[in-house]
Amino acid sequence: MPSSKAADIHFKRVYDAPSADDGQRVLADRLWPRGLAKAKAQVDFWAKDVTPSTDLRKWFHEHPEQFDEFRTRFLKELKTLDADHNEMLAALRTRLTEGRVTLLTAAHKLEDGDKQTHLDVLRDFLESR
């Protein structure tokens, strides 16, 4: 989906309070966040298919220092979804054309200011199309 304008994508922990600035709130985790009621999360869309596979998520948990390899593997998974015309990926792309999207995660890495998360890879993939 070529675009002359960069997508307005932001990141936030799903446990943080929703804000009017969030735009559409998209949960980008394969698993629902532990202990969080769906009403409190105020998630507009759960993009669980557009996240690292269970095997890749477990591998990265065991090898967090190998982010470059994780990025390569996750991009391969995303390209496969794209080639298969995944409905969830298509729906996420449509949401990006409608304005700001805040990708939500339960990961603690956002608290640490870490720039090496699955959200970074997903954003880069979405912006490259």
Protein backbone atom coordinates (compact mmCIF):
# COMPACT_ATOMS: atom_id res chain seq x y z
CA MET A 1 0.00 0.00 0.00
CA PRO A 2 2.12 2.95 -1.16
CA SER A 3 1.57 6.17 0.67
CA SER A 4 3.03 9.64 0.42
CA LYS A 5 2.40 10.24 4.11
CA ALA A 6 4.02 8.27 6.92
CA ALA A 7 1.61 6.38 9.14
CA ASP A 8 0.84 7.99 12.50
CA ILE A 9 1.85 5.06 14.73
CA HIS A 10 2.57 5.36 18.44
CA PHE A 11 3.39 2.83 21.17
CA LYS A 12 1.99 2.47 24.65
CA ARG A 13 1.73 -0.14 27.35
CA VAL A 14 -1.79 -1.53 27.45
CA TYR A 15 -1.81 -1.09 31.24
CA ASP A 16 -1.39 2.69 30.88
CA ALA A 17 -4.56 4.78 30.98
CA PRO A 18 -6.23 5.40 27.62
CA SER A 19 -5.94 8.92 26.26
CA ALA A 20 -7.84 10.95 23.69
CA ASP A 21 -4.50 11.26 21.84
CA ASP A 22 -4.31 7.48 21.31
CA GLY A 23 -6.54 7.42 18.24
CA GLN A 24 -7.40 3.79 17.51
CA ARG A 25 -6.01 1.50 20.19
CA VAL A 26 -4.64 -1.73 18.70
CA LEU A 27 -3.41 -4.52 20.94
CA ALA A 28 -0.36 -6.01 19.21
CA ASP A 29 0.24 -8.99 21.51
CA ARG A 30 -0.61 -12.61 20.77
CA LEU A 31 -1.86 -13.19 24.32
CA TRP A 32 -4.40 -11.06 26.17
CA PRO A 33 -2.65 -9.11 28.97
CA ARG A 34 -2.80 -10.86 32.31
CA GLY A 35 -5.24 -9.38 34.80
CA LEU A 36 -6.63 -6.70 32.47
CA ALA A 37 -10.35 -6.46 31.89
CA LYS A 38 -11.32 -5.87 28.26
CA ALA A 39 -13.50 -2.89 29.24
CA LYS A 40 -10.62 -1.20 31.07
CA ALA A 41 -8.18 -1.77 28.21
CA GLN A 42 -10.43 0.05 25.72
CA VAL A 43 -8.90 -1.85 22.81
CA ASP A 44 -10.47 -1.07 19.43
CA PHE A 45 -8.80 -3.96 17.61
CA TRP A 46 -6.79 -6.99 18.70
CA ALA A 47 -4.19 -7.76 16.03
CA LYS A 48 -2.98 -11.03 17.53
CA ASP A 49 -2.20 -12.65 14.15
CA VAL A 50 0.16 -9.78 13.30
CA THR A 51 2.54 -10.50 16.18
CA PRO A 52 5.50 -12.83 16.57
CA SER A 53 4.53 -16.50 16.47
CA THR A 54 4.53 -18.38 19.74
CA ASP A 55 7.79 -20.12 18.83
CA LEU A 56 9.49 -16.84 17.88
CA ARG A 57 8.19 -15.07 20.98
CA LYS A 58 9.58 -17.85 23.20
CA TRP A 59 12.90 -17.85 21.31
CA PHE A 60 13.32 -14.09 21.74
CA HIS A 61 12.47 -14.33 25.44
CA GLU A 62 15.41 -16.75 25.78
CA HIS A 63 17.72 -14.68 23.52
CA PRO A 64 16.87 -10.99 24.11
CA GLU A 65 20.38 -9.94 23.12
CA GLN A 66 19.77 -11.23 19.56
CA PHE A 67 17.36 -8.53 18.44
CA ASP A 68 18.74 -8.37 14.89
CA GLU A 69 18.00 -12.06 14.39
CA PHE A 70 14.56 -11.60 15.96
CA ARG A 71 13.88 -8.70 13.56
CA THR A 72 14.86 -10.84 10.57
CA ARG A 73 12.66 -13.74 11.67
CA PHE A 74 9.68 -11.54 12.55
CA LEU A 75 9.88 -9.66 9.23
CA LYS A 76 9.87 -13.02 7.46
CA GLU A 77 6.69 -13.98 9.34
CA LEU A 78 5.07 -10.64 8.46
CA LYS A 79 5.99 -11.02 4.77
CA THR A 80 4.43 -14.49 4.78
CA LEU A 81 1.23 -13.08 6.29
CA ASP A 82 1.25 -10.37 3.65
CA ALA A 83 1.72 -12.88 0.84
CA ASP A 84 -1.16 -14.94 2.26
CA HIS A 85 -3.42 -11.84 2.27
CA ASN A 86 -4.00 -12.10 6.00
CA GLU A 87 -7.30 -10.42 6.95
CA MET A 88 -5.99 -9.06 10.26
CA LEU A 89 -3.01 -7.43 8.56
CA ALA A 90 -5.30 -5.90 5.94
CA ALA A 91 -7.62 -4.58 8.66
CA LEU A 92 -4.68 -3.04 10.51
CA ARG A 93 -3.51 -1.32 7.33
CA THR A 94 -7.01 0.08 6.80
CA ARG A 95 -6.99 1.51 10.32
CA LEU A 96 -3.69 3.24 9.55
CA THR A 97 -5.35 5.12 6.69
CA GLU A 98 -7.97 6.45 9.11
CA GLY A 99 -5.60 8.37 11.40
CA ARG A 100 -3.47 7.80 14.47
CA VAL A 101 -3.01 4.26 15.71
CA THR A 102 -1.50 3.41 19.07
CA LEU A 103 0.00 -0.08 19.18
CA LEU A 104 -0.44 -1.52 22.64
CA THR A 105 1.64 -4.18 24.36
CA ALA A 106 1.94 -5.69 27.82
CA ALA A 107 5.74 -5.88 27.41
CA HIS A 108 7.79 -4.18 30.11
CA LYS A 109 10.45 -3.11 27.58
CA LEU A 110 8.51 0.06 26.79
CA GLU A 111 8.98 1.15 30.40
CA ASP A 112 12.74 0.81 29.96
CA GLY A 113 12.75 2.99 26.83
CA ASP A 114 14.07 0.02 24.84
CA LYS A 115 13.90 0.57 21.10
CA GLN A 116 14.11 -3.14 20.40
CA THR A 117 10.58 -4.47 20.61
CA HIS A 118 8.25 -6.33 18.30
CA LEU A 119 6.29 -3.07 17.96
CA ASP A 120 9.31 -1.40 16.34
CA VAL A 121 9.55 -4.21 13.79
CA LEU A 122 5.79 -4.15 13.11
CA ARG A 123 5.79 -0.36 12.66
CA ASP A 124 8.78 -0.53 10.29
CA PHE A 125 7.04 -3.24 8.27
CA LEU A 126 3.78 -1.29 8.04
CA GLU A 127 5.55 1.92 7.06
CA SER A 128 7.56 0.17 4.36
CA ARG A 129 4.44 -0.87 2.45
